[in-house]
Amino acid sequence: MVHAMQDTKYHRDNGGADTWMKLLEGSVLVACWSQADGLAHGLCDDIKSTPPMDWRAFYKMPSARLFLMKKGDGLFM
């Protein structure tokens, strides 16, 4: 759960297995990519101290997805 006006560092949910989200209130910007692309472009939570998001690397990844979820939206990956 995340409170209003907060964000999370990039991370892998459930060890990279199935993940779902249901947005109950407000809206949220979601960025996601494959584990292979994350490793290739240095956006991987295996690094002990997760650096800030590198949006230039994100946009180079073939699997990169960026979208806005609104109240009531669901996502299954």
Protein backbone atom coordinates (compact mmCIF):
# COMPACT_ATOMS: atom_id res chain seq x y z
CA MET A 1 0.00 0.00 0.00
CA VAL A 2 1.17 3.49 -0.77
CA HIS A 3 -0.26 6.67 0.68
CA ALA A 4 -1.04 9.78 -1.37
CA MET A 5 1.92 11.67 -2.83
CA GLN A 6 4.35 8.78 -2.23
CA ASP A 7 6.26 6.53 -4.58
CA THR A 8 8.20 3.31 -4.40
CA LYS A 9 11.65 2.58 -5.76
CA TYR A 10 11.74 0.15 -8.64
CA HIS A 11 11.44 -3.38 -7.34
CA ARG A 12 10.38 -6.89 -8.24
CA ASP A 13 7.10 -8.04 -6.71
CA ASN A 14 6.77 -11.69 -5.66
CA GLY A 15 10.25 -12.51 -6.89
CA GLY A 16 9.15 -11.72 -10.44
CA ALA A 17 6.19 -14.11 -10.34
CA ASP A 18 2.53 -13.19 -10.91
CA THR A 19 1.60 -9.75 -9.63
CA TRP A 20 -1.74 -7.99 -9.46
CA MET A 21 -2.90 -4.52 -8.46
CA LYS A 22 -6.37 -3.07 -7.93
CA LEU A 23 -6.51 0.69 -7.53
CA LEU A 24 -8.99 1.67 -4.83
CA GLU A 25 -8.64 5.47 -4.89
CA GLY A 26 -7.01 8.21 -6.93
CA SER A 27 -4.57 7.45 -9.72
CA VAL A 28 -1.08 6.02 -10.04
CA LEU A 29 1.62 6.11 -12.70
CA VAL A 30 2.99 2.61 -13.32
CA ALA A 31 6.26 1.80 -15.08
CA CYS A 32 7.15 -1.83 -15.72
CA TRP A 33 9.64 -3.84 -17.77
CA SER A 34 10.97 -7.37 -18.12
CA GLN A 35 13.57 -8.70 -15.73
CA ALA A 36 15.92 -9.37 -18.68
CA ASP A 37 15.66 -5.74 -19.86
CA GLY A 38 16.20 -4.51 -16.30
CA LEU A 39 19.39 -6.51 -16.00
CA ALA A 40 20.63 -5.37 -19.42
CA HIS A 41 19.96 -1.67 -18.70
CA GLY A 42 20.96 -1.47 -15.03
CA LEU A 43 17.41 -1.13 -13.66
CA CYS A 44 17.46 -4.17 -11.42
CA ASP A 45 16.62 -4.41 -7.73
CA ASP A 46 19.38 -7.02 -7.26
CA ILE A 47 21.69 -4.03 -6.74
CA LYS A 48 22.11 -3.50 -2.97
CA SER A 49 21.46 0.25 -3.06
CA THR A 50 18.83 0.92 -5.69
CA PRO A 51 19.83 4.05 -7.64
CA PRO A 52 17.23 6.63 -8.75
CA MET A 53 15.09 5.78 -11.76
CA ASP A 54 16.98 6.25 -15.03
CA TRP A 55 14.23 7.26 -17.46
CA ARG A 56 16.67 7.31 -20.42
CA ALA A 57 17.41 3.61 -19.82
CA PHE A 58 13.68 2.92 -19.36
CA TYR A 59 12.78 4.31 -22.79
CA LYS A 60 15.50 2.17 -24.45
CA MET A 61 14.01 -1.10 -23.17
CA PRO A 62 11.79 -2.96 -25.67
CA SER A 63 9.56 -4.27 -22.86
CA ALA A 64 9.08 -0.87 -21.15
CA ARG A 65 5.47 0.04 -20.39
CA LEU A 66 4.26 3.28 -18.80
CA PHE A 67 0.61 3.90 -18.03
CA LEU A 68 -1.77 5.67 -15.68
CA MET A 69 -4.13 3.61 -13.55
CA LYS A 70 -7.30 5.24 -12.25
CA LYS A 71 -9.71 4.29 -9.47
CA GLY A 72 -11.25 0.89 -10.18
CA ASP A 73 -8.57 -0.21 -12.66
CA GLY A 74 -6.95 -3.60 -12.24
CA LEU A 75 -3.65 -4.97 -13.51
CA PHE A 76 -2.38 -8.54 -13.70
CA MET A 77 1.20 -9.29 -14.78
